[in-house]
Structure formats: C-alpha cells, structure tokens
C-alpha cells in the first residue's frame, strides 16, 4: 500500500501547476482567437442582409400558400353566397308569383260567389219603368238580407210573361194590404189612403217617386174595387203606368210571390250618367 501511495504522489508531483495553468490559458486563448478569427472572416452587414433576405424569403414562401388558400376560400365562399342568394331570389320570386295567383284565384272565387249568391247584374228591358229607368240600363241587384218594402225597385221572375224572363217593377203593396185604383181619375189607394200626387220641375210624382202618367190603364182590374194582397205576395207596377204589364194583369202576372222576387236594384252601373245608388 505504501508503494502505491508513493507512486500516486510521484504522479501528482510530476505535473507542474504553473505549466498546467499556462497550458489551459493557452488553450482558451487559442479557441478565443479561433472564434475571433471566424467572426472576423464574416462581414456582419452581409450576414445581416443574408439573414434578413432569408427571413423575408422564407416568410414569403410560408405566406404565399396561406394567401392563395385564403383567396380561394373567399372565392368559394363568394360563389356559395351568390348561389344561395340566387336560390333565395328565385324562391322569393316564386312565392310572389304564387301569392299573386292565390290572390287572383281568391278574388275570382269571391266574385263568382258574390255574383251567384249575393248580387246580380240585370239589364232593363223595355220602357215600363220610364222615367226612372231606361231600356238597356244595367242594374246591380242584391237579395242579401232583403225584405221587400214600399217603393223598392225589384227584379221579378214573371213565369207567365215573355217566357219567364226577369222584369223590373216597383213595389206598391205588401202582404195584407188592400189596393184600390180609380182608373177614371188615375189615383191609387193603399189601405184606403190615396198615394199623394205632386208635380216637381215638370215631373209627376206619386208617393215620392217619379211616374210617367197617372194610372188609367185597367188591364184585368176593376175600377174602385179593393184587392187584398195575399200573405207572402206583393203588388207591383211599372212607373210608366200606361205602358207596363204588371200586377194589374191578374190573369198573367197578378200578385207576386216572394219567391219570385230575385232582389232589389241597389245600384246603376250603365249608362255612366246614371251611375250611382238607386233612390
């Protein structure tokens, strides 16, 4: 053991610390010089430019695919939005057309129903209602919630007159009334009261409505005889009293059953100078 320690001491003593440090310093100095020499061999400005150019180029290479991808994405998105907008516009246009067709169809159906069940257009045939109505005049007739009343102008289906075509007359008597006409004087009585006659602006009026002349045409009626209007029936005459076939013609027309009254004339639509509601 003593021999080994001795050998070790001799080995440690064989190394000179001063020389060892000198060698270490020389080693580090050599490497520092190598490093300095290496740095000195590269131009800092050129190296900087190199790094900058490399970064820019690398950055550009990295961004280009992103930009291209982004642009394509935007184009695709715009195309999809355009398709969607076109589809929405087409759908909107189709809806508008459908709405218009639905509105037109609804209007047509409503008109058909109205003209079938509520109102009708009738044309005056002949001069029996002069001076109130003239031949060819077109009237809007309605029976909606209608109850006949005095002086109403009505459309009557006269089954035995001219093949049952509609005729236009004025209601003079209601169910239960007694009608008497003095054909000599031309005066009409309802329930023993004479219908007032007066002249205004050269036009003769009876019970407030215009007539052409006083009533002197008998037809089938007897003068100064009371005729009672049956229940559910009406007595009618034309305003052109001496040129009208009406309830005075007992054998053909007579008293009018309510079921044969098509409705009341409420509006005149032609000719245009007669346009308006009926009095």
C-alpha atoms as a PDB file:
ATOM      1  CA  UNK A   1       0.000   0.000   0.000  1.00  0.00           C
ATOM      2  CA  UNK A   2       2.810   2.357   0.840  1.00  0.00           C
ATOM      3  CA  UNK A   3       4.320   1.692  -2.538  1.00  0.00           C
ATOM      4  CA  UNK A   4       1.001   2.646  -4.288  1.00  0.00           C
ATOM      5  CA  UNK A   5       0.670   5.906  -2.369  1.00  0.00           C
ATOM      6  CA  UNK A   6       4.197   6.718  -3.263  1.00  0.00           C
ATOM      7  CA  UNK A   7       3.526   6.113  -6.921  1.00  0.00           C
ATOM      8  CA  UNK A   8       0.493   8.350  -6.720  1.00  0.00           C
ATOM      9  CA  UNK A   9       2.411  11.125  -5.044  1.00  0.00           C
ATOM     10  CA  UNK A  10       5.073  10.861  -7.637  1.00  0.00           C
ATOM     11  CA  UNK A  11       2.431  11.114 -10.361  1.00  0.00           C
ATOM     12  CA  UNK A  12       0.878  14.257  -8.846  1.00  0.00           C
ATOM     13  CA  UNK A  13       4.265  15.792  -8.368  1.00  0.00           C
ATOM     14  CA  UNK A  14       5.131  15.076 -11.971  1.00  0.00           C
ATOM     15  CA  UNK A  15       2.542  17.746 -13.030  1.00  0.00           C
ATOM     16  CA  UNK A  16       3.676  21.347 -12.662  1.00  0.00           C
ATOM     17  CA  UNK A  17       0.705  23.541 -11.762  1.00  0.00           C
ATOM     18  CA  UNK A  18       2.181  26.615 -13.401  1.00  0.00           C
ATOM     19  CA  UNK A  19       2.766  24.820 -16.579  1.00  0.00           C
ATOM     20  CA  UNK A  20      -0.705  23.288 -16.316  1.00  0.00           C
ATOM     21  CA  UNK A  21      -2.360  26.682 -15.967  1.00  0.00           C
ATOM     22  CA  UNK A  22      -0.283  28.089 -18.766  1.00  0.00           C
ATOM     23  CA  UNK A  23      -1.342  25.299 -20.965  1.00  0.00           C
ATOM     24  CA  UNK A  24      -5.002  25.868 -20.024  1.00  0.00           C
ATOM     25  CA  UNK A  25      -4.772  29.579 -20.676  1.00  0.00           C
ATOM     26  CA  UNK A  26      -3.117  28.928 -23.972  1.00  0.00           C
ATOM     27  CA  UNK A  27      -5.888  26.511 -24.816  1.00  0.00           C
ATOM     28  CA  UNK A  28      -8.641  29.019 -24.109  1.00  0.00           C
ATOM     29  CA  UNK A  29      -6.718  31.810 -25.808  1.00  0.00           C
ATOM     30  CA  UNK A  30      -6.311  29.653 -28.858  1.00  0.00           C
ATOM     31  CA  UNK A  31     -10.017  28.931 -29.028  1.00  0.00           C
ATOM     32  CA  UNK A  32     -10.897  32.574 -28.482  1.00  0.00           C
ATOM     33  CA  UNK A  33      -8.566  33.512 -31.296  1.00  0.00           C
ATOM     34  CA  UNK A  34     -10.143  30.892 -33.484  1.00  0.00           C
ATOM     35  CA  UNK A  35     -13.541  32.233 -32.654  1.00  0.00           C
ATOM     36  CA  UNK A  36     -12.447  35.809 -33.250  1.00  0.00           C
ATOM     37  CA  UNK A  37     -10.790  34.839 -36.461  1.00  0.00           C
ATOM     38  CA  UNK A  38     -14.000  33.052 -37.540  1.00  0.00           C
ATOM     39  CA  UNK A  39     -16.159  36.079 -36.753  1.00  0.00           C
ATOM     40  CA  UNK A  40     -13.713  38.355 -38.484  1.00  0.00           C
ATOM     41  CA  UNK A  41     -13.985  36.257 -41.601  1.00  0.00           C
ATOM     42  CA  UNK A  42     -17.764  37.078 -41.943  1.00  0.00           C
ATOM     43  CA  UNK A  43     -18.917  40.572 -42.901  1.00  0.00           C
ATOM     44  CA  UNK A  44     -21.568  41.491 -40.335  1.00  0.00           C
ATOM     45  CA  UNK A  45     -23.531  43.636 -42.764  1.00  0.00           C
ATOM     46  CA  UNK A  46     -23.588  40.965 -45.409  1.00  0.00           C
ATOM     47  CA  UNK A  47     -24.524  38.383 -42.793  1.00  0.00           C
ATOM     48  CA  UNK A  48     -27.316  40.628 -41.599  1.00  0.00           C
ATOM     49  CA  UNK A  49     -28.585  41.088 -45.131  1.00  0.00           C
ATOM     50  CA  UNK A  50     -28.374  37.373 -45.633  1.00  0.00           C
ATOM     51  CA  UNK A  51     -30.424  36.710 -42.546  1.00  0.00           C
ATOM     52  CA  UNK A  52     -32.967  39.370 -43.477  1.00  0.00           C
ATOM     53  CA  UNK A  53     -33.299  38.155 -47.049  1.00  0.00           C
ATOM     54  CA  UNK A  54     -33.565  34.619 -45.868  1.00  0.00           C
ATOM     55  CA  UNK A  55     -36.255  35.520 -43.342  1.00  0.00           C
ATOM     56  CA  UNK A  56     -38.212  37.518 -45.887  1.00  0.00           C
ATOM     57  CA  UNK A  57     -37.926  34.827 -48.483  1.00  0.00           C
ATOM     58  CA  UNK A  58     -38.862  32.140 -46.007  1.00  0.00           C
ATOM     59  CA  UNK A  59     -41.685  34.254 -44.697  1.00  0.00           C
ATOM     60  CA  UNK A  60     -42.927  34.885 -48.235  1.00  0.00           C
ATOM     61  CA  UNK A  61     -42.739  31.211 -49.051  1.00  0.00           C
ATOM     62  CA  UNK A  62     -44.692  30.445 -45.919  1.00  0.00           C
ATOM     63  CA  UNK A  63     -47.316  33.125 -46.500  1.00  0.00           C
ATOM     64  CA  UNK A  64     -47.896  32.555 -50.198  1.00  0.00           C
ATOM     65  CA  UNK A  65     -49.724  29.258 -49.745  1.00  0.00           C
ATOM     66  CA  UNK A  66     -51.779  30.857 -46.955  1.00  0.00           C
ATOM     67  CA  UNK A  67     -52.697  33.806 -49.167  1.00  0.00           C
ATOM     68  CA  UNK A  68     -53.569  31.525 -52.053  1.00  0.00           C
ATOM     69  CA  UNK A  69     -55.600  29.313 -49.781  1.00  0.00           C
ATOM     70  CA  UNK A  70     -57.301  32.326 -48.244  1.00  0.00           C
ATOM     71  CA  UNK A  71     -58.138  33.789 -51.687  1.00  0.00           C
ATOM     72  CA  UNK A  72     -59.550  30.526 -52.939  1.00  0.00           C
ATOM     73  CA  UNK A  73     -61.553  30.152 -49.781  1.00  0.00           C
ATOM     74  CA  UNK A  74     -63.001  33.620 -50.260  1.00  0.00           C
ATOM     75  CA  UNK A  75     -63.841  32.874 -53.892  1.00  0.00           C
ATOM     76  CA  UNK A  76     -65.583  29.656 -52.929  1.00  0.00           C
ATOM     77  CA  UNK A  77     -67.403  31.443 -50.139  1.00  0.00           C
ATOM     78  CA  UNK A  78     -68.498  34.194 -52.521  1.00  0.00           C
ATOM     79  CA  UNK A  79     -69.714  31.618 -55.030  1.00  0.00           C
ATOM     80  CA  UNK A  80     -71.674  29.810 -52.369  1.00  0.00           C
ATOM     81  CA  UNK A  81     -73.165  33.073 -51.169  1.00  0.00           C
ATOM     82  CA  UNK A  82     -74.067  34.002 -54.757  1.00  0.00           C
ATOM     83  CA  UNK A  83     -75.737  30.623 -55.291  1.00  0.00           C
ATOM     84  CA  UNK A  84     -77.587  30.965 -52.017  1.00  0.00           C
ATOM     85  CA  UNK A  85     -78.708  34.494 -52.886  1.00  0.00           C
ATOM     86  CA  UNK A  86     -79.846  33.367 -56.348  1.00  0.00           C
ATOM     87  CA  UNK A  87     -81.790  30.488 -54.815  1.00  0.00           C
ATOM     88  CA  UNK A  88     -83.369  32.827 -52.281  1.00  0.00           C
ATOM     89  CA  UNK A  89     -84.281  35.304 -55.031  1.00  0.00           C
ATOM     90  CA  UNK A  90     -85.786  32.523 -57.135  1.00  0.00           C
ATOM     91  CA  UNK A  91     -87.698  31.270 -54.113  1.00  0.00           C
ATOM     92  CA  UNK A  92     -88.888  34.785 -53.328  1.00  0.00           C
ATOM     93  CA  UNK A  93     -89.967  35.344 -56.938  1.00  0.00           C
ATOM     94  CA  UNK A  94     -91.793  32.021 -56.959  1.00  0.00           C
ATOM     95  CA  UNK A  95     -93.509  32.944 -53.699  1.00  0.00           C
ATOM     96  CA  UNK A  96     -94.550  36.297 -55.119  1.00  0.00           C
ATOM     97  CA  UNK A  97     -95.977  34.658 -58.243  1.00  0.00           C
ATOM     98  CA  UNK A  98     -97.757  32.098 -56.084  1.00  0.00           C
ATOM     99  CA  UNK A  99     -99.121  34.848 -53.842  1.00  0.00           C
ATOM    100  CA  UNK A 100    -100.367  36.786 -56.887  1.00  0.00           C
ATOM    101  CA  UNK A 101    -102.004  33.678 -58.346  1.00  0.00           C
ATOM    102  CA  UNK A 102    -103.541  32.848 -54.987  1.00  0.00           C
ATOM    103  CA  UNK A 103    -104.867  36.397 -54.653  1.00  0.00           C
ATOM    104  CA  UNK A 104    -106.283  36.363 -58.188  1.00  0.00           C
ATOM    105  CA  UNK A 105    -107.861  32.944 -57.672  1.00  0.00           C
ATOM    106  CA  UNK A 106    -109.326  34.055 -54.352  1.00  0.00           C
ATOM    107  CA  UNK A 107    -110.677  37.224 -55.957  1.00  0.00           C
ATOM    108  CA  UNK A 108    -112.217  35.236 -58.841  1.00  0.00           C
ATOM    109  CA  UNK A 109    -113.844  32.776 -56.459  1.00  0.00           C
ATOM    110  CA  UNK A 110    -115.111  35.634 -54.299  1.00  0.00           C
ATOM    111  CA  UNK A 111    -116.537  37.404 -57.349  1.00  0.00           C
ATOM    112  CA  UNK A 112    -118.237  34.221 -58.546  1.00  0.00           C
ATOM    113  CA  UNK A 113    -119.727  33.608 -55.107  1.00  0.00           C
ATOM    114  CA  UNK A 114    -120.820  37.219 -54.770  1.00  0.00           C
ATOM    115  CA  UNK A 115    -122.465  37.299 -58.184  1.00  0.00           C
ATOM    116  CA  UNK A 116    -124.032  33.884 -57.621  1.00  0.00           C
ATOM    117  CA  UNK A 117    -125.421  34.282 -54.128  1.00  0.00           C
ATOM    118  CA  UNK A 118    -125.302  37.982 -53.225  1.00  0.00           C
ATOM    119  CA  UNK A 119    -125.575  40.287 -56.244  1.00  0.00           C
ATOM    120  CA  UNK A 120    -126.542  40.045 -59.901  1.00  0.00           C
ATOM    121  CA  UNK A 121    -126.380  42.307 -62.908  1.00  0.00           C
ATOM    122  CA  UNK A 122    -129.710  42.822 -64.668  1.00  0.00           C
ATOM    123  CA  UNK A 123    -130.493  44.787 -67.786  1.00  0.00           C
ATOM    124  CA  UNK A 124    -133.677  46.807 -68.090  1.00  0.00           C
ATOM    125  CA  UNK A 125    -135.767  45.548 -70.989  1.00  0.00           C
ATOM    126  CA  UNK A 126    -138.358  47.951 -72.373  1.00  0.00           C
ATOM    127  CA  UNK A 127    -139.802  51.272 -71.237  1.00  0.00           C
ATOM    128  CA  UNK A 128    -142.164  50.156 -68.476  1.00  0.00           C
ATOM    129  CA  UNK A 129    -140.074  51.946 -65.807  1.00  0.00           C
ATOM    130  CA  UNK A 130    -139.764  55.329 -67.550  1.00  0.00           C
ATOM    131  CA  UNK A 131    -138.887  57.955 -66.418  1.00  0.00           C
ATOM    132  CA  UNK A 132    -136.962  56.262 -63.593  1.00  0.00           C
ATOM    133  CA  UNK A 133    -135.174  53.657 -65.717  1.00  0.00           C
ATOM    134  CA  UNK A 134    -134.475  53.388 -69.436  1.00  0.00           C
ATOM    135  CA  UNK A 135    -134.129  50.414 -71.760  1.00  0.00           C
ATOM    136  CA  UNK A 136    -130.609  48.905 -71.682  1.00  0.00           C
ATOM    137  CA  UNK A 137    -129.751  50.333 -68.267  1.00  0.00           C
ATOM    138  CA  UNK A 138    -127.712  47.895 -66.176  1.00  0.00           C
ATOM    139  CA  UNK A 139    -128.523  47.438 -62.521  1.00  0.00           C
ATOM    140  CA  UNK A 140    -126.781  45.736 -59.614  1.00  0.00           C
ATOM    141  CA  UNK A 141    -129.363  43.622 -57.821  1.00  0.00           C
ATOM    142  CA  UNK A 142    -128.985  42.092 -54.348  1.00  0.00           C
ATOM    143  CA  UNK A 143    -131.187  39.881 -52.202  1.00  0.00           C
ATOM    144  CA  UNK A 144    -128.794  39.699 -49.234  1.00  0.00           C
ATOM    145  CA  UNK A 145    -130.859  40.067 -46.035  1.00  0.00           C
ATOM    146  CA  UNK A 146    -133.519  41.706 -48.153  1.00  0.00           C
ATOM    147  CA  UNK A 147    -137.117  42.224 -47.082  1.00  0.00           C
ATOM    148  CA  UNK A 148    -139.274  43.945 -49.740  1.00  0.00           C
ATOM    149  CA  UNK A 149    -140.694  47.331 -48.820  1.00  0.00           C
ATOM    150  CA  UNK A 150    -142.788  50.100 -50.367  1.00  0.00           C
ATOM    151  CA  UNK A 151    -141.383  51.763 -53.499  1.00  0.00           C
ATOM    152  CA  UNK A 152    -138.468  49.323 -53.837  1.00  0.00           C
ATOM    153  CA  UNK A 153    -137.459  48.635 -57.431  1.00  0.00           C
ATOM    154  CA  UNK A 154    -137.291  44.855 -57.730  1.00  0.00           C
ATOM    155  CA  UNK A 155    -136.457  42.190 -60.272  1.00  0.00           C
ATOM    156  CA  UNK A 156    -139.364  39.812 -60.730  1.00  0.00           C
ATOM    157  CA  UNK A 157    -139.354  36.397 -62.373  1.00  0.00           C
ATOM    158  CA  UNK A 158    -142.685  36.519 -64.178  1.00  0.00           C
ATOM    159  CA  UNK A 159    -143.266  32.869 -65.050  1.00  0.00           C
ATOM    160  CA  UNK A 160    -146.132  33.538 -67.477  1.00  0.00           C
ATOM    161  CA  UNK A 161    -144.745  36.730 -69.034  1.00  0.00           C
ATOM    162  CA  UNK A 162    -142.463  36.546 -72.092  1.00  0.00           C
ATOM    163  CA  UNK A 163    -141.121  33.080 -71.255  1.00  0.00           C
ATOM    164  CA  UNK A 164    -140.406  33.849 -67.618  1.00  0.00           C
ATOM    165  CA  UNK A 165    -137.716  36.440 -68.243  1.00  0.00           C
ATOM    166  CA  UNK A 166    -136.947  38.924 -65.426  1.00  0.00           C
ATOM    167  CA  UNK A 167    -138.928  42.152 -65.375  1.00  0.00           C
ATOM    168  CA  UNK A 168    -138.270  45.341 -63.386  1.00  0.00           C
ATOM    169  CA  UNK A 169    -141.140  46.793 -61.348  1.00  0.00           C
ATOM    170  CA  UNK A 170    -141.855  48.880 -58.248  1.00  0.00           C
ATOM    171  CA  UNK A 171    -143.499  47.512 -55.092  1.00  0.00           C
ATOM    172  CA  UNK A 172    -146.818  49.235 -54.346  1.00  0.00           C
ATOM    173  CA  UNK A 173    -148.486  46.843 -51.905  1.00  0.00           C
ATOM    174  CA  UNK A 174    -147.167  44.500 -49.178  1.00  0.00           C
ATOM    175  CA  UNK A 175    -148.784  41.291 -47.882  1.00  0.00           C
ATOM    176  CA  UNK A 176    -152.176  42.061 -46.270  1.00  0.00           C
ATOM    177  CA  UNK A 177    -152.549  45.498 -47.918  1.00  0.00           C
ATOM    178  CA  UNK A 178    -155.695  46.421 -49.835  1.00  0.00           C
ATOM    179  CA  UNK A 179    -155.101  48.085 -53.212  1.00  0.00           C
ATOM    180  CA  UNK A 180    -157.782  50.109 -54.999  1.00  0.00           C
ATOM    181  CA  UNK A 181    -157.313  52.114 -58.195  1.00  0.00           C
ATOM    182  CA  UNK A 182    -159.685  54.761 -59.521  1.00  0.00           C
ATOM    183  CA  UNK A 183    -158.912  54.455 -63.213  1.00  0.00           C
ATOM    184  CA  UNK A 184    -161.115  57.421 -64.094  1.00  0.00           C
ATOM    185  CA  UNK A 185    -159.049  59.845 -62.005  1.00  0.00           C
ATOM    186  CA  UNK A 186    -155.864  57.777 -62.223  1.00  0.00           C
ATOM    187  CA  UNK A 187    -155.366  57.706 -58.455  1.00  0.00           C
ATOM    188  CA  UNK A 188    -154.116  54.760 -56.421  1.00  0.00           C
ATOM    189  CA  UNK A 189    -155.271  53.892 -52.885  1.00  0.00           C
ATOM    190  CA  UNK A 190    -153.451  51.719 -50.372  1.00  0.00           C
ATOM    191  CA  UNK A 191    -155.358  50.736 -47.249  1.00  0.00           C
ATOM    192  CA  UNK A 192    -157.962  53.359 -48.158  1.00  0.00           C
ATOM    193  CA  UNK A 193    -155.345  56.140 -48.348  1.00  0.00           C
ATOM    194  CA  UNK A 194    -154.584  57.804 -51.660  1.00  0.00           C
ATOM    195  CA  UNK A 195    -150.974  57.830 -52.721  1.00  0.00           C
ATOM    196  CA  UNK A 196    -150.091  61.518 -52.910  1.00  0.00           C
ATOM    197  CA  UNK A 197    -149.608  63.038 -56.346  1.00  0.00           C
ATOM    198  CA  UNK A 198    -147.467  66.115 -56.940  1.00  0.00           C
ATOM    199  CA  UNK A 199    -145.514  67.776 -59.720  1.00  0.00           C
ATOM    200  CA  UNK A 200    -141.935  68.928 -59.279  1.00  0.00           C
ATOM    201  CA  UNK A 201    -139.960  70.595 -62.061  1.00  0.00           C
ATOM    202  CA  UNK A 202    -142.472  69.321 -64.612  1.00  0.00           C
ATOM    203  CA  UNK A 203    -142.177  65.706 -63.396  1.00  0.00           C
ATOM    204  CA  UNK A 204    -145.138  63.886 -61.860  1.00  0.00           C
ATOM    205  CA  UNK A 205    -144.503  62.130 -58.530  1.00  0.00           C
ATOM    206  CA  UNK A 206    -146.622  59.543 -56.747  1.00  0.00           C
ATOM    207  CA  UNK A 207    -145.817  58.646 -53.151  1.00  0.00           C
ATOM    208  CA  UNK A 208    -142.427  60.333 -53.548  1.00  0.00           C
ATOM    209  CA  UNK A 209    -141.198  58.632 -56.749  1.00  0.00           C
ATOM    210  CA  UNK A 210    -141.461  59.760 -60.356  1.00  0.00           C
ATOM    211  CA  UNK A 211    -144.087  58.273 -62.656  1.00  0.00           C
ATOM    212  CA  UNK A 212    -144.745  58.894 -66.333  1.00  0.00           C
ATOM    213  CA  UNK A 213    -148.516  59.458 -66.104  1.00  0.00           C
ATOM    214  CA  UNK A 214    -151.368  58.797 -63.736  1.00  0.00           C
ATOM    215  CA  UNK A 215    -152.773  55.270 -63.681  1.00  0.00           C
ATOM    216  CA  UNK A 216    -155.600  54.954 -66.203  1.00  0.00           C
ATOM    217  CA  UNK A 217    -154.783  51.556 -67.776  1.00  0.00           C
ATOM    218  CA  UNK A 218    -157.033  48.938 -66.161  1.00  0.00           C
ATOM    219  CA  UNK A 219    -155.775  45.683 -67.641  1.00  0.00           C
ATOM    220  CA  UNK A 220    -157.689  42.970 -65.615  1.00  0.00           C
ATOM    221  CA  UNK A 221    -158.522  45.101 -62.573  1.00  0.00           C
ATOM    222  CA  UNK A 222    -161.876  46.715 -61.869  1.00  0.00           C
ATOM    223  CA  UNK A 223    -162.000  50.409 -61.049  1.00  0.00           C
ATOM    224  CA  UNK A 224    -162.557  51.339 -57.406  1.00  0.00           C
ATOM    225  CA  UNK A 225    -162.549  47.719 -56.232  1.00  0.00           C
ATOM    226  CA  UNK A 226    -160.423  46.664 -53.237  1.00  0.00           C
ATOM    227  CA  UNK A 227    -157.922  43.876 -53.885  1.00  0.00           C
ATOM    228  CA  UNK A 228    -156.207  42.306 -50.895  1.00  0.00           C
ATOM    229  CA  UNK A 229    -152.604  41.259 -51.315  1.00  0.00           C
ATOM    230  CA  UNK A 230    -152.188  37.596 -50.186  1.00  0.00           C
ATOM    231  CA  UNK A 231    -149.729  36.680 -47.463  1.00  0.00           C
ATOM    232  CA  UNK A 232    -146.249  36.123 -48.870  1.00  0.00           C
ATOM    233  CA  UNK A 233    -147.099  38.107 -52.020  1.00  0.00           C
ATOM    234  CA  UNK A 234    -146.663  41.668 -53.329  1.00  0.00           C
ATOM    235  CA  UNK A 235    -148.445  44.079 -55.673  1.00  0.00           C
ATOM    236  CA  UNK A 236    -146.140  45.710 -58.252  1.00  0.00           C
ATOM    237  CA  UNK A 237    -146.487  48.260 -61.050  1.00  0.00           C
ATOM    238  CA  UNK A 238    -144.220  49.997 -63.557  1.00  0.00           C
ATOM    239  CA  UNK A 239    -143.559  53.747 -63.314  1.00  0.00           C
ATOM    240  CA  UNK A 240    -144.739  54.131 -66.895  1.00  0.00           C
ATOM    241  CA  UNK A 241    -148.250  53.391 -65.706  1.00  0.00           C
ATOM    242  CA  UNK A 242    -149.996  53.225 -69.079  1.00  0.00           C
ATOM    243  CA  UNK A 243    -147.288  51.177 -70.787  1.00  0.00           C
ATOM    244  CA  UNK A 244    -146.486  48.409 -68.297  1.00  0.00           C
ATOM    245  CA  UNK A 245    -147.571  44.813 -67.781  1.00  0.00           C
ATOM    246  CA  UNK A 246    -147.662  44.275 -64.029  1.00  0.00           C
ATOM    247  CA  UNK A 247    -149.873  43.102 -61.159  1.00  0.00           C
ATOM    248  CA  UNK A 248    -152.918  44.781 -62.769  1.00  0.00           C
ATOM    249  CA  UNK A 249    -152.748  41.973 -65.324  1.00  0.00           C
ATOM    250  CA  UNK A 250    -154.266  39.496 -62.880  1.00  0.00           C
ATOM    251  CA  UNK A 251    -154.616  36.633 -65.347  1.00  0.00           C
ATOM    252  CA  UNK A 252    -150.915  36.619 -66.279  1.00  0.00           C
ATOM    253  CA  UNK A 253    -148.850  38.262 -63.549  1.00  0.00           C
ATOM    254  CA  UNK A 254    -151.104  39.284 -60.681  1.00  0.00           C
ATOM    255  CA  UNK A 255    -149.745  39.256 -57.147  1.00  0.00           C
ATOM    256  CA  UNK A 256    -146.066  38.334 -56.997  1.00  0.00           C
ATOM    257  CA  UNK A 257    -144.976  35.532 -54.680  1.00  0.00           C
ATOM    258  CA  UNK A 258    -141.969  36.499 -52.589  1.00  0.00           C
ATOM    259  CA  UNK A 259    -140.038  33.531 -54.012  1.00  0.00           C
ATOM    260  CA  UNK A 260    -140.205  35.144 -57.460  1.00  0.00           C
ATOM    261  CA  UNK A 261    -138.564  38.358 -56.328  1.00  0.00           C
ATOM    262  CA  UNK A 262    -134.879  37.989 -57.266  1.00  0.00           C
ATOM    263  CA  UNK A 263    -133.767  41.032 -55.322  1.00  0.00           C
ATOM    264  CA  UNK A 264    -133.729  44.785 -55.090  1.00  0.00           C
ATOM    265  CA  UNK A 265    -131.998  47.082 -57.583  1.00  0.00           C
ATOM    266  CA  UNK A 266    -129.472  48.951 -55.456  1.00  0.00           C
ATOM    267  CA  UNK A 267    -127.029  50.451 -57.953  1.00  0.00           C
ATOM    268  CA  UNK A 268    -126.938  51.577 -61.571  1.00  0.00           C
ATOM    269  CA  UNK A 269    -123.670  50.971 -63.431  1.00  0.00           C
ATOM    270  CA  UNK A 270    -124.615  51.836 -67.030  1.00  0.00           C
ATOM    271  CA  UNK A 271    -125.004  54.199 -68.787  1.00  0.00           C
ATOM    272  CA  UNK A 272    -122.438  56.205 -66.903  1.00  0.00           C
ATOM    273  CA  UNK A 273    -124.666  59.246 -66.473  1.00  0.00           C
ATOM    274  CA  UNK A 274    -126.936  57.038 -64.316  1.00  0.00           C
ATOM    275  CA  UNK A 275    -124.045  55.639 -62.242  1.00  0.00           C
ATOM    276  CA  UNK A 276    -124.965  55.595 -58.565  1.00  0.00           C
ATOM    277  CA  UNK A 277    -127.300  54.201 -55.921  1.00  0.00           C
ATOM    278  CA  UNK A 278    -130.963  53.781 -56.674  1.00  0.00           C
ATOM    279  CA  UNK A 279    -133.436  56.050 -54.864  1.00  0.00           C
END
